[in-house]
Each structure stands twice: as C-alpha cells, then as structure tokens.
Amino acid sequence: MLFQSSSDILAHLAQDFRTQLNQFYSWMNLAPPYNSIELAVKALMTELNSKSVDEQKMIASIPEKRWVLYHQAFLAGGLDRKHRGILTIKAKACTPSTGTPDYRTFLKAFRER
C-alpha cells in the first residue's frame, strides 16, 4: 500500500486496528468495550508516533510486525481486563485452528493468565 505521509499511515493503522477489534468482539459474540478500544487506539498511536516514517511504513506493510503492536496496544488499553471471564473460557476452548491467526493474537492475552 502506498502512503503519502506519516499521517496517512497512522490513520490507516488506527482504522485497521479498530476494525480488527470490532470484528474480534463480533466473532466472540460480545459488545465491544468502546472506551477501552479508544484507549488501545491511543496507545497504538503513541507507540507509532515514536517511530520513524520508515518504521511506520514497515509496520503497515508487514502483518507480523503490525500484529505485535496491535497485541501490545490491546494490553495497554486494558482490553485484556474486559469480558475477562467469558473470554478466558472461550480462549481456553479454542483450538489452534479456531478463528483467524490474527484473532488468536488477541486471545493469547486471556490464555496467559
């Protein structure tokens, strides 16, 4: 994907992260905790703003790098503390083939505790 500026990269990643979170909560049949999602997006933006434009472009173009940051922002926003009981049960019930690899990244936060 071609980006014209750092702000284009940041806007794209913020929107993608929100979309992924909303899809994750939909997949889990839960209402997304919107305030915590916004805290997570802010954490992601803070981390991305500390990086050079070249690093931002790399993160935007390499899914593995992007999902590492998404996972960190998920934790920083406190999303691992919302719907904790039900998500822990669902996370433990999931097999490696359940859901997308991306969503398993979010579920990892509930398996680790």
PDB file of N, CA and C in Angstrom:
ATOM      1  N   MET A   1       0.844  -1.173   0.000  1.00  0.00           N
ATOM      2  CA  MET A   1       0.000   0.000   0.000  1.00  0.00           C
ATOM      3  C   MET A   1       0.895   1.244   0.000  1.00  0.00           C
ATOM      4  N   LEU A   2       0.551   2.196  -0.807  1.00  0.00           N
ATOM      5  CA  LEU A   2       1.321   3.435  -0.897  1.00  0.00           C
ATOM      6  C   LEU A   2       0.733   4.498   0.018  1.00  0.00           C
ATOM      7  N   PHE A   3       1.586   5.065   0.842  1.00  0.00           N
ATOM      8  CA  PHE A   3       1.162   6.126   1.747  1.00  0.00           C
ATOM      9  C   PHE A   3       1.882   7.397   1.369  1.00  0.00           C
ATOM     10  N   GLN A   4       1.160   8.501   1.419  1.00  0.00           N
ATOM     11  CA  GLN A   4       1.737   9.794   1.066  1.00  0.00           C
ATOM     12  C   GLN A   4       2.483  10.424   2.229  1.00  0.00           C
ATOM     13  N   SER A   5       2.025  10.139   3.467  1.00  0.00           N
ATOM     14  CA  SER A   5       2.638  10.794   4.622  1.00  0.00           C
ATOM     15  C   SER A   5       2.488   9.916   5.861  1.00  0.00           C
ATOM     16  N   SER A   6       3.164  10.339   6.908  1.00  0.00           N
ATOM     17  CA  SER A   6       3.049   9.645   8.186  1.00  0.00           C
ATOM     18  C   SER A   6       1.605   9.659   8.680  1.00  0.00           C
ATOM     19  N   SER A   7       0.915  10.762   8.491  1.00  0.00           N
ATOM     20  CA  SER A   7      -0.475  10.837   8.960  1.00  0.00           C
ATOM     21  C   SER A   7      -1.369   9.849   8.213  1.00  0.00           C
ATOM     22  N   ASP A   8      -1.067   9.587   6.927  1.00  0.00           N
ATOM     23  CA  ASP A   8      -1.820   8.574   6.171  1.00  0.00           C
ATOM     24  C   ASP A   8      -1.597   7.188   6.771  1.00  0.00           C
ATOM     25  N   ILE A   9      -0.358   6.893   7.132  1.00  0.00           N
ATOM     26  CA  ILE A   9      -0.027   5.596   7.728  1.00  0.00           C
ATOM     27  C   ILE A   9      -0.760   5.442   9.061  1.00  0.00           C
ATOM     28  N   LEU A  10      -0.665   6.491   9.896  1.00  0.00           N
ATOM     29  CA  LEU A  10      -1.288   6.434  11.213  1.00  0.00           C
ATOM     30  C   LEU A  10      -2.804   6.276  11.102  1.00  0.00           C
ATOM     31  N   ALA A  11      -3.416   7.003  10.211  1.00  0.00           N
ATOM     32  CA  ALA A  11      -4.872   6.909  10.026  1.00  0.00           C
ATOM     33  C   ALA A  11      -5.262   5.505   9.561  1.00  0.00           C
ATOM     34  N   HIS A  12      -4.486   4.966   8.626  1.00  0.00           N
ATOM     35  CA  HIS A  12      -4.765   3.621   8.123  1.00  0.00           C
ATOM     36  C   HIS A  12      -4.652   2.584   9.243  1.00  0.00           C
ATOM     37  N   LEU A  13      -3.572   2.639  10.015  1.00  0.00           N
ATOM     38  CA  LEU A  13      -3.356   1.661  11.079  1.00  0.00           C
ATOM     39  C   LEU A  13      -4.389   1.807  12.199  1.00  0.00           C
ATOM     40  N   ALA A  14      -4.758   3.026  12.537  1.00  0.00           N
ATOM     41  CA  ALA A  14      -5.784   3.234  13.565  1.00  0.00           C
ATOM     42  C   ALA A  14      -7.117   2.641  13.117  1.00  0.00           C
ATOM     43  N   GLN A  15      -7.487   2.898  11.880  1.00  0.00           N
ATOM     44  CA  GLN A  15      -8.755   2.364  11.374  1.00  0.00           C
ATOM     45  C   GLN A  15      -8.707   0.842  11.274  1.00  0.00           C
ATOM     46  N   ASP A  16      -7.606   0.305  10.806  1.00  0.00           N
ATOM     47  CA  ASP A  16      -7.473  -1.149  10.708  1.00  0.00           C
ATOM     48  C   ASP A  16      -7.558  -1.794  12.089  1.00  0.00           C
ATOM     49  N   PHE A  17      -6.884  -1.215  13.074  1.00  0.00           N
ATOM     50  CA  PHE A  17      -6.910  -1.752  14.433  1.00  0.00           C
ATOM     51  C   PHE A  17      -8.329  -1.741  14.993  1.00  0.00           C
ATOM     52  N   ARG A  18      -9.041  -0.622  14.839  1.00  0.00           N
ATOM     53  CA  ARG A  18     -10.439  -0.546  15.296  1.00  0.00           C
ATOM     54  C   ARG A  18     -11.293  -1.617  14.619  1.00  0.00           C
ATOM     55  N   THR A  19     -11.117  -1.757  13.316  1.00  0.00           N
ATOM     56  CA  THR A  19     -11.884  -2.754  12.557  1.00  0.00           C
ATOM     57  C   THR A  19     -11.588  -4.158  13.076  1.00  0.00           C
ATOM     58  N   GLN A  20     -10.306  -4.460  13.274  1.00  0.00           N
ATOM     59  CA  GLN A  20      -9.937  -5.786  13.767  1.00  0.00           C
ATOM     60  C   GLN A  20     -10.529  -6.049  15.148  1.00  0.00           C
ATOM     61  N   LEU A  21     -10.499  -5.048  16.014  1.00  0.00           N
ATOM     62  CA  LEU A  21     -11.068  -5.212  17.351  1.00  0.00           C
ATOM     63  C   LEU A  21     -12.577  -5.431  17.280  1.00  0.00           C
ATOM     64  N   ASN A  22     -13.259  -4.636  16.482  1.00  0.00           N
ATOM     65  CA  ASN A  22     -14.710  -4.807  16.353  1.00  0.00           C
ATOM     66  C   ASN A  22     -15.060  -6.174  15.785  1.00  0.00           C
ATOM     67  N   GLN A  23     -14.293  -6.639  14.817  1.00  0.00           N
ATOM     68  CA  GLN A  23     -14.541  -7.970  14.247  1.00  0.00           C
ATOM     69  C   GLN A  23     -14.249  -9.066  15.268  1.00  0.00           C
ATOM     70  N   PHE A  24     -13.202  -8.877  16.067  1.00  0.00           N
ATOM     71  CA  PHE A  24     -12.867  -9.847  17.110  1.00  0.00           C
ATOM     72  C   PHE A  24     -14.021  -9.975  18.103  1.00  0.00           C
ATOM     73  N   TYR A  25     -14.521  -8.846  18.594  1.00  0.00           N
ATOM     74  CA  TYR A  25     -15.621  -8.903  19.561  1.00  0.00           C
ATOM     75  C   TYR A  25     -16.891  -9.452  18.922  1.00  0.00           C
ATOM     76  N   SER A  26     -17.124  -9.165  17.665  1.00  0.00           N
ATOM     77  CA  SER A  26     -18.262  -9.735  16.953  1.00  0.00           C
ATOM     78  C   SER A  26     -18.109 -11.250  16.846  1.00  0.00           C
ATOM     79  N   TRP A  27     -16.913 -11.715  16.516  1.00  0.00           N
ATOM     80  CA  TRP A  27     -16.620 -13.147  16.418  1.00  0.00           C
ATOM     81  C   TRP A  27     -16.859 -13.821  17.771  1.00  0.00           C
ATOM     82  N   MET A  28     -16.579 -13.110  18.860  1.00  0.00           N
ATOM     83  CA  MET A  28     -16.778 -13.639  20.210  1.00  0.00           C
ATOM     84  C   MET A  28     -18.217 -13.450  20.699  1.00  0.00           C
ATOM     85  N   ASN A  29     -19.058 -12.811  19.881  1.00  0.00           N
ATOM     86  CA  ASN A  29     -20.451 -12.522  20.246  1.00  0.00           C
ATOM     87  C   ASN A  29     -20.548 -11.661  21.501  1.00  0.00           C
ATOM     88  N   LEU A  30     -19.705 -10.643  21.579  1.00  0.00           N
ATOM     89  CA  LEU A  30     -19.689  -9.726  22.716  1.00  0.00           C
ATOM     90  C   LEU A  30     -19.741  -8.285  22.226  1.00  0.00           C
ATOM     91  N   ALA A  31     -20.308  -7.429  23.043  1.00  0.00           N
ATOM     92  CA  ALA A  31     -20.309  -5.998  22.729  1.00  0.00           C
ATOM     93  C   ALA A  31     -18.901  -5.458  22.970  1.00  0.00           C
ATOM     94  N   PRO A  32     -18.352  -4.737  22.013  1.00  0.00           N
ATOM     95  CA  PRO A  32     -17.006  -4.192  22.212  1.00  0.00           C
ATOM     96  C   PRO A  32     -16.995  -3.128  23.309  1.00  0.00           C
ATOM     97  N   PRO A  33     -15.972  -3.147  24.170  1.00  0.00           N
ATOM     98  CA  PRO A  33     -15.849  -2.100  25.192  1.00  0.00           C
ATOM     99  C   PRO A  33     -15.244  -0.844  24.557  1.00  0.00           C
ATOM    100  N   TYR A  34     -16.113   0.018  24.035  1.00  0.00           N
ATOM    101  CA  TYR A  34     -15.675   1.133  23.196  1.00  0.00           C
ATOM    102  C   TYR A  34     -14.663   2.061  23.857  1.00  0.00           C
ATOM    103  N   ASN A  35     -14.845   2.382  25.140  1.00  0.00           N
ATOM    104  CA  ASN A  35     -13.883   3.267  25.806  1.00  0.00           C
ATOM    105  C   ASN A  35     -12.492   2.640  25.841  1.00  0.00           C
ATOM    106  N   SER A  36     -12.437   1.350  26.139  1.00  0.00           N
ATOM    107  CA  SER A  36     -11.142   0.662  26.174  1.00  0.00           C
ATOM    108  C   SER A  36     -10.545   0.524  24.774  1.00  0.00           C
ATOM    109  N   ILE A  37     -11.390   0.381  23.780  1.00  0.00           N
ATOM    110  CA  ILE A  37     -10.885   0.343  22.405  1.00  0.00           C
ATOM    111  C   ILE A  37     -10.212   1.663  22.072  1.00  0.00           C
ATOM    112  N   GLU A  38     -10.838   2.765  22.465  1.00  0.00           N
ATOM    113  CA  GLU A  38     -10.218   4.070  22.187  1.00  0.00           C
ATOM    114  C   GLU A  38      -8.910   4.243  22.963  1.00  0.00           C
ATOM    115  N   LEU A  39      -8.841   3.729  24.187  1.00  0.00           N
ATOM    116  CA  LEU A  39      -7.577   3.768  24.928  1.00  0.00           C
ATOM    117  C   LEU A  39      -6.507   2.942  24.214  1.00  0.00           C
ATOM    118  N   ALA A  40      -6.903   1.803  23.679  1.00  0.00           N
ATOM    119  CA  ALA A  40      -5.962   0.949  22.946  1.00  0.00           C
ATOM    120  C   ALA A  40      -5.486   1.643  21.662  1.00  0.00           C
ATOM    121  N   VAL A  41      -6.396   2.310  20.969  1.00  0.00           N
ATOM    122  CA  VAL A  41      -6.017   3.041  19.755  1.00  0.00           C
ATOM    123  C   VAL A  41      -5.037   4.165  20.109  1.00  0.00           C
ATOM    124  N   LYS A  42      -5.294   4.865  21.199  1.00  0.00           N
ATOM    125  CA  LYS A  42      -4.367   5.920  21.633  1.00  0.00           C
ATOM    126  C   LYS A  42      -2.991   5.348  21.961  1.00  0.00           C
ATOM    127  N   ALA A  43      -2.971   4.189  22.619  1.00  0.00           N
ATOM    128  CA  ALA A  43      -1.691   3.536  22.936  1.00  0.00           C
ATOM    129  C   ALA A  43      -0.955   3.160  21.656  1.00  0.00           C
ATOM    130  N   LEU A  44      -1.696   2.665  20.674  1.00  0.00           N
ATOM    131  CA  LEU A  44      -1.086   2.317  19.385  1.00  0.00           C
ATOM    132  C   LEU A  44      -0.512   3.563  18.716  1.00  0.00           C
ATOM    133  N   MET A  45      -1.269   4.643  18.712  1.00  0.00           N
ATOM    134  CA  MET A  45      -0.803   5.878  18.081  1.00  0.00           C
ATOM    135  C   MET A  45       0.428   6.441  18.794  1.00  0.00           C
ATOM    136  N   THR A  46       0.457   6.372  20.107  1.00  0.00           N
ATOM    137  CA  THR A  46       1.621   6.839  20.863  1.00  0.00           C
ATOM    138  C   THR A  46       2.858   6.046  20.466  1.00  0.00           C
ATOM    139  N   GLU A  47       2.701   4.736  20.390  1.00  0.00           N
ATOM    140  CA  GLU A  47       3.837   3.884  20.004  1.00  0.00           C
ATOM    141  C   GLU A  47       4.272   4.179  18.571  1.00  0.00           C
ATOM    142  N   LEU A  48       3.327   4.313  17.666  1.00  0.00           N
ATOM    143  CA  LEU A  48       3.669   4.577  16.264  1.00  0.00           C
ATOM    144  C   LEU A  48       4.314   5.947  16.085  1.00  0.00           C
ATOM    145  N   ASN A  49       3.850   6.936  16.849  1.00  0.00           N
ATOM    146  CA  ASN A  49       4.435   8.275  16.749  1.00  0.00           C
ATOM    147  C   ASN A  49       5.882   8.318  17.221  1.00  0.00           C
ATOM    148  N   SER A  50       6.282   7.361  18.022  1.00  0.00           N
ATOM    149  CA  SER A  50       7.666   7.321  18.500  1.00  0.00           C
ATOM    150  C   SER A  50       8.608   6.699  17.462  1.00  0.00           C
ATOM    151  N   LYS A  51       8.059   6.228  16.363  1.00  0.00           N
ATOM    152  CA  LYS A  51       8.844   5.559  15.322  1.00  0.00           C
ATOM    153  C   LYS A  51       9.039   6.475  14.120  1.00  0.00           C
ATOM    154  N   SER A  52      10.090   6.188  13.377  1.00  0.00           N
ATOM    155  CA  SER A  52      10.352   6.958  12.155  1.00  0.00           C
ATOM    156  C   SER A  52       9.309   6.600  11.091  1.00  0.00           C
ATOM    157  N   VAL A  53       9.221   7.422  10.069  1.00  0.00           N
ATOM    158  CA  VAL A  53       8.278   7.165   8.978  1.00  0.00           C
ATOM    159  C   VAL A  53       8.620   5.839   8.290  1.00  0.00           C
ATOM    160  N   ASP A  54       9.906   5.546   8.126  1.00  0.00           N
ATOM    161  CA  ASP A  54      10.295   4.275   7.509  1.00  0.00           C
ATOM    162  C   ASP A  54       9.833   3.084   8.350  1.00  0.00           C
ATOM    163  N   GLU A  55       9.969   3.198   9.671  1.00  0.00           N
ATOM    164  CA  GLU A  55       9.498   2.126  10.551  1.00  0.00           C
ATOM    165  C   GLU A  55       7.981   1.993  10.472  1.00  0.00           C
ATOM    166  N   GLN A  56       7.291   3.123  10.413  1.00  0.00           N
ATOM    167  CA  GLN A  56       5.825   3.100  10.289  1.00  0.00           C
ATOM    168  C   GLN A  56       5.409   2.401   8.995  1.00  0.00           C
ATOM    169  N   LYS A  57       6.103   2.708   7.906  1.00  0.00           N
ATOM    170  CA  LYS A  57       5.787   2.064   6.621  1.00  0.00           C
ATOM    171  C   LYS A  57       6.013   0.563   6.706  1.00  0.00           C
ATOM    172  N   MET A  58       7.099   0.163   7.364  1.00  0.00           N
ATOM    173  CA  MET A  58       7.398  -1.259   7.505  1.00  0.00           C
ATOM    174  C   MET A  58       6.298  -1.947   8.309  1.00  0.00           C
ATOM    175  N   ILE A  59       5.883  -1.331   9.403  1.00  0.00           N
ATOM    176  CA  ILE A  59       4.821  -1.900  10.237  1.00  0.00           C
ATOM    177  C   ILE A  59       3.527  -2.017   9.440  1.00  0.00           C
ATOM    178  N   ALA A  60       3.218  -0.997   8.657  1.00  0.00           N
ATOM    179  CA  ALA A  60       1.994  -1.024   7.851  1.00  0.00           C
ATOM    180  C   ALA A  60       2.034  -2.103   6.781  1.00  0.00           C
ATOM    181  N   SER A  61       3.221  -2.449   6.315  1.00  0.00           N
ATOM    182  CA  SER A  61       3.314  -3.401   5.207  1.00  0.00           C
ATOM    183  C   SER A  61       3.616  -4.838   5.630  1.00  0.00           C
ATOM    184  N   ILE A  62       4.006  -5.060   6.885  1.00  0.00           N
ATOM    185  CA  ILE A  62       4.342  -6.416   7.341  1.00  0.00           C
ATOM    186  C   ILE A  62       3.354  -6.822   8.435  1.00  0.00           C
ATOM    187  N   PRO A  63       2.429  -7.720   8.105  1.00  0.00           N
ATOM    188  CA  PRO A  63       1.387  -8.088   9.074  1.00  0.00           C
ATOM    189  C   PRO A  63       1.925  -8.567  10.426  1.00  0.00           C
ATOM    190  N   GLU A  64       2.985  -9.335  10.436  1.00  0.00           N
ATOM    191  CA  GLU A  64       3.518  -9.850  11.701  1.00  0.00           C
ATOM    192  C   GLU A  64       3.943  -8.713  12.624  1.00  0.00           C
ATOM    193  N   LYS A  65       4.595  -7.702  12.072  1.00  0.00           N
ATOM    194  CA  LYS A  65       5.027  -6.552  12.875  1.00  0.00           C
ATOM    195  C   LYS A  65       3.818  -5.743  13.357  1.00  0.00           C
ATOM    196  N   ARG A  66       2.844  -5.604  12.469  1.00  0.00           N
ATOM    197  CA  ARG A  66       1.634  -4.866  12.815  1.00  0.00           C
ATOM    198  C   ARG A  66       0.912  -5.551  13.980  1.00  0.00           C
ATOM    199  N   TRP A  67       0.787  -6.875  13.926  1.00  0.00           N
ATOM    200  CA  TRP A  67       0.048  -7.595  14.958  1.00  0.00           C
ATOM    201  C   TRP A  67       0.784  -7.624  16.288  1.00  0.00           C
ATOM    202  N   VAL A  68       2.090  -7.529  16.286  1.00  0.00           N
ATOM    203  CA  VAL A  68       2.822  -7.397  17.551  1.00  0.00           C
ATOM    204  C   VAL A  68       2.407  -6.095  18.233  1.00  0.00           C
ATOM    205  N   LEU A  69       2.362  -5.010  17.461  1.00  0.00           N
ATOM    206  CA  LEU A  69       1.926  -3.722  18.025  1.00  0.00           C
ATOM    207  C   LEU A  69       0.456  -3.745  18.423  1.00  0.00           C
ATOM    208  N   TYR A  70      -0.380  -4.400  17.626  1.00  0.00           N
ATOM    209  CA  TYR A  70      -1.799  -4.492  17.966  1.00  0.00           C
ATOM    210  C   TYR A  70      -1.966  -5.215  19.307  1.00  0.00           C
ATOM    211  N   HIS A  71      -1.218  -6.280  19.506  1.00  0.00           N
ATOM    212  CA  HIS A  71      -1.303  -7.026  20.764  1.00  0.00           C
ATOM    213  C   HIS A  71      -0.857  -6.145  21.934  1.00  0.00           C
ATOM    214  N   GLN A  72       0.235  -5.423  21.765  1.00  0.00           N
ATOM    215  CA  GLN A  72       0.719  -4.530  22.817  1.00  0.00           C
ATOM    216  C   GLN A  72      -0.321  -3.451  23.142  1.00  0.00           C
ATOM    217  N   ALA A  73      -0.939  -2.896  22.116  1.00  0.00           N
ATOM    218  CA  ALA A  73      -1.962  -1.858  22.318  1.00  0.00           C
ATOM    219  C   ALA A  73      -3.209  -2.455  22.975  1.00  0.00           C
ATOM    220  N   PHE A  74      -3.552  -3.675  22.617  1.00  0.00           N
ATOM    221  CA  PHE A  74      -4.673  -4.391  23.230  1.00  0.00           C
ATOM    222  C   PHE A  74      -4.473  -4.456  24.737  1.00  0.00           C
ATOM    223  N   LEU A  75      -3.270  -4.816  25.155  1.00  0.00           N
ATOM    224  CA  LEU A  75      -2.951  -4.890  26.583  1.00  0.00           C
ATOM    225  C   LEU A  75      -2.912  -3.504  27.222  1.00  0.00           C
ATOM    226  N   ALA A  76      -2.287  -2.553  26.539  1.00  0.00           N
ATOM    227  CA  ALA A  76      -2.158  -1.192  27.074  1.00  0.00           C
ATOM    228  C   ALA A  76      -3.517  -0.518  27.259  1.00  0.00           C
ATOM    229  N   GLY A  77      -4.466  -0.845  26.406  1.00  0.00           N
ATOM    230  CA  GLY A  77      -5.804  -0.270  26.504  1.00  0.00           C
ATOM    231  C   GLY A  77      -6.681  -0.945  27.546  1.00  0.00           C
ATOM    232  N   GLY A  78      -6.157  -1.999  28.149  1.00  0.00           N
ATOM    233  CA  GLY A  78      -6.926  -2.709  29.175  1.00  0.00           C
ATOM    234  C   GLY A  78      -7.967  -3.662  28.631  1.00  0.00           C
ATOM    235  N   LEU A  79      -7.887  -3.978  27.353  1.00  0.00           N
ATOM    236  CA  LEU A  79      -8.882  -4.860  26.757  1.00  0.00           C
ATOM    237  C   LEU A  79      -8.783  -6.284  27.295  1.00  0.00           C
ATOM    238  N   ASP A  80      -7.625  -6.636  27.840  1.00  0.00           N
ATOM    239  CA  ASP A  80      -7.472  -7.961  28.434  1.00  0.00           C
ATOM    240  C   ASP A  80      -8.187  -8.065  29.787  1.00  0.00           C
ATOM    241  N   ARG A  81      -8.723  -6.961  30.282  1.00  0.00           N
ATOM    242  CA  ARG A  81      -9.461  -6.962  31.550  1.00  0.00           C
ATOM    243  C   ARG A  81     -10.971  -6.828  31.347  1.00  0.00           C
ATOM    244  N   LYS A  82     -11.400  -6.675  30.111  1.00  0.00           N
ATOM    245  CA  LYS A  82     -12.823  -6.538  29.806  1.00  0.00           C
ATOM    246  C   LYS A  82     -13.373  -7.887  29.343  1.00  0.00           C
ATOM    247  N   HIS A  83     -14.559  -8.235  29.796  1.00  0.00           N
ATOM    248  CA  HIS A  83     -15.190  -9.524  29.457  1.00  0.00           C
ATOM    249  C   HIS A  83     -14.253 -10.678  29.818  1.00  0.00           C
ATOM    250  N   ARG A  84     -13.446 -10.475  30.853  1.00  0.00           N
ATOM    251  CA  ARG A  84     -12.367 -11.398  31.196  1.00  0.00           C
ATOM    252  C   ARG A  84     -12.838 -12.839  31.383  1.00  0.00           C
ATOM    253  N   GLY A  85     -13.896 -13.029  32.165  1.00  0.00           N
ATOM    254  CA  GLY A  85     -14.350 -14.390  32.455  1.00  0.00           C
ATOM    255  C   GLY A  85     -14.755 -15.154  31.216  1.00  0.00           C
ATOM    256  N   ILE A  86     -15.644 -14.573  30.444  1.00  0.00           N
ATOM    257  CA  ILE A  86     -16.145 -15.277  29.255  1.00  0.00           C
ATOM    258  C   ILE A  86     -15.056 -15.451  28.211  1.00  0.00           C
ATOM    259  N   LEU A  87     -14.188 -14.445  28.047  1.00  0.00           N
ATOM    260  CA  LEU A  87     -13.130 -14.568  27.047  1.00  0.00           C
ATOM    261  C   LEU A  87     -12.063 -15.577  27.477  1.00  0.00           C
ATOM    262  N   THR A  88     -11.811 -15.692  28.758  1.00  0.00           N
ATOM    263  CA  THR A  88     -10.856 -16.701  29.234  1.00  0.00           C
ATOM    264  C   THR A  88     -11.387 -18.096  28.939  1.00  0.00           C
ATOM    265  N   ILE A  89     -12.664 -18.300  29.209  1.00  0.00           N
ATOM    266  CA  ILE A  89     -13.280 -19.604  28.917  1.00  0.00           C
ATOM    267  C   ILE A  89     -13.225 -19.894  27.420  1.00  0.00           C
ATOM    268  N   LYS A  90     -13.604 -18.918  26.612  1.00  0.00           N
ATOM    269  CA  LYS A  90     -13.592 -19.119  25.158  1.00  0.00           C
ATOM    270  C   LYS A  90     -12.175 -19.319  24.634  1.00  0.00           C
ATOM    271  N   ALA A  91     -11.223 -18.575  25.183  1.00  0.00           N
ATOM    272  CA  ALA A  91      -9.832 -18.698  24.725  1.00  0.00           C
ATOM    273  C   ALA A  91      -9.292 -20.090  25.015  1.00  0.00           C
ATOM    274  N   LYS A  92      -9.603 -20.618  26.171  1.00  0.00           N
ATOM    275  CA  LYS A  92      -9.115 -21.951  26.530  1.00  0.00           C
ATOM    276  C   LYS A  92      -9.800 -23.038  25.722  1.00  0.00           C
ATOM    277  N   ALA A  93     -11.018 -22.770  25.262  1.00  0.00           N
ATOM    278  CA  ALA A  93     -11.763 -23.745  24.465  1.00  0.00           C
ATOM    279  C   ALA A  93     -11.334 -23.740  22.994  1.00  0.00           C
ATOM    280  N   CYS A  94     -10.671 -22.678  22.571  1.00  0.00           N
ATOM    281  CA  CYS A  94     -10.268 -22.569  21.168  1.00  0.00           C
ATOM    282  C   CYS A  94      -9.090 -23.496  20.877  1.00  0.00           C
ATOM    283  N   THR A  95      -9.154 -24.089  19.726  1.00  0.00           N
ATOM    284  CA  THR A  95      -8.042 -24.915  19.260  1.00  0.00           C
ATOM    285  C   THR A  95      -7.178 -24.053  18.342  1.00  0.00           C
ATOM    286  N   PRO A  96      -5.977 -24.527  18.001  1.00  0.00           N
ATOM    287  CA  PRO A  96      -5.121 -23.733  17.111  1.00  0.00           C
ATOM    288  C   PRO A  96      -5.769 -23.381  15.776  1.00  0.00           C
ATOM    289  N   SER A  97      -6.753 -24.144  15.352  1.00  0.00           N
ATOM    290  CA  SER A  97      -7.398 -23.855  14.068  1.00  0.00           C
ATOM    291  C   SER A  97      -8.636 -22.959  14.222  1.00  0.00           C
ATOM    292  N   THR A  98      -8.985 -22.603  15.444  1.00  0.00           N
ATOM    293  CA  THR A  98     -10.162 -21.767  15.682  1.00  0.00           C
ATOM    294  C   THR A  98      -9.861 -20.311  15.359  1.00  0.00           C
ATOM    295  N   GLY A  99     -10.736 -19.698  14.597  1.00  0.00           N
ATOM    296  CA  GLY A  99     -10.568 -18.276  14.282  1.00  0.00           C
ATOM    297  C   GLY A  99      -9.391 -18.024  13.366  1.00  0.00           C
ATOM    298  N   THR A 100      -9.130 -16.766  13.144  1.00  0.00           N
ATOM    299  CA  THR A 100      -8.006 -16.396  12.294  1.00  0.00           C
ATOM    300  C   THR A 100      -6.751 -16.297  13.163  1.00  0.00           C
ATOM    301  N   PRO A 101      -5.579 -16.430  12.564  1.00  0.00           N
ATOM    302  CA  PRO A 101      -4.354 -16.244  13.361  1.00  0.00           C
ATOM    303  C   PRO A 101      -4.320 -14.883  14.036  1.00  0.00           C
ATOM    304  N   ASP A 102      -4.881 -13.887  13.384  1.00  0.00           N
ATOM    305  CA  ASP A 102      -4.905 -12.546  13.961  1.00  0.00           C
ATOM    306  C   ASP A 102      -5.710 -12.512  15.263  1.00  0.00           C
ATOM    307  N   TYR A 103      -6.881 -13.101  15.271  1.00  0.00           N
ATOM    308  CA  TYR A 103      -7.715 -13.087  16.464  1.00  0.00           C
ATOM    309  C   TYR A 103      -7.099 -13.930  17.564  1.00  0.00           C
ATOM    310  N   ARG A 104      -6.381 -14.974  17.184  1.00  0.00           N
ATOM    311  CA  ARG A 104      -5.684 -15.773  18.197  1.00  0.00           C
ATOM    312  C   ARG A 104      -4.638 -14.924  18.915  1.00  0.00           C
ATOM    313  N   THR A 105      -4.128 -13.891  18.251  1.00  0.00           N
ATOM    314  CA  THR A 105      -3.196 -12.965  18.900  1.00  0.00           C
ATOM    315  C   THR A 105      -3.886 -12.273  20.074  1.00  0.00           C
ATOM    316  N   PHE A 106      -5.125 -11.843  19.890  1.00  0.00           N
ATOM    317  CA  PHE A 106      -5.874 -11.215  20.978  1.00  0.00           C
ATOM    318  C   PHE A 106      -6.215 -12.236  22.064  1.00  0.00           C
ATOM    319  N   LEU A 107      -6.598 -13.449  21.657  1.00  0.00           N
ATOM    320  CA  LEU A 107      -6.957 -14.477  22.629  1.00  0.00           C
ATOM    321  C   LEU A 107      -5.778 -14.879  23.514  1.00  0.00           C
ATOM    322  N   LYS A 108      -4.587 -14.733  22.982  1.00  0.00           N
ATOM    323  CA  LYS A 108      -3.391 -15.081  23.749  1.00  0.00           C
ATOM    324  C   LYS A 108      -3.354 -14.333  25.083  1.00  0.00           C
ATOM    325  N   ALA A 109      -3.867 -13.122  25.114  1.00  0.00           N
ATOM    326  CA  ALA A 109      -3.885 -12.321  26.351  1.00  0.00           C
ATOM    327  C   ALA A 109      -4.728 -13.008  27.434  1.00  0.00           C
ATOM    328  N   PHE A 110      -5.704 -13.781  27.039  1.00  0.00           N
ATOM    329  CA  PHE A 110      -6.575 -14.436  28.010  1.00  0.00           C
ATOM    330  C   PHE A 110      -6.071 -15.815  28.400  1.00  0.00           C
ATOM    331  N   ARG A 111      -5.220 -16.388  27.610  1.00  0.00           N
ATOM    332  CA  ARG A 111      -4.621 -17.680  27.938  1.00  0.00           C
ATOM    333  C   ARG A 111      -3.423 -17.519  28.857  1.00  0.00           C
ATOM    334  N   GLU A 112      -2.787 -16.368  28.805  1.00  0.00           N
ATOM    335  CA  GLU A 112      -1.542 -16.163  29.536  1.00  0.00           C
ATOM    336  C   GLU A 112      -1.747 -15.993  31.029  1.00  0.00           C
ATOM    337  N   ARG A 113      -2.948 -15.773  31.460  1.00  0.00           N
ATOM    338  CA  ARG A 113      -3.179 -15.523  32.897  1.00  0.00           C
ATOM    339  C   ARG A 113      -3.711 -16.732  33.590  1.00  0.00           C
TER     340      ARG A 113
END
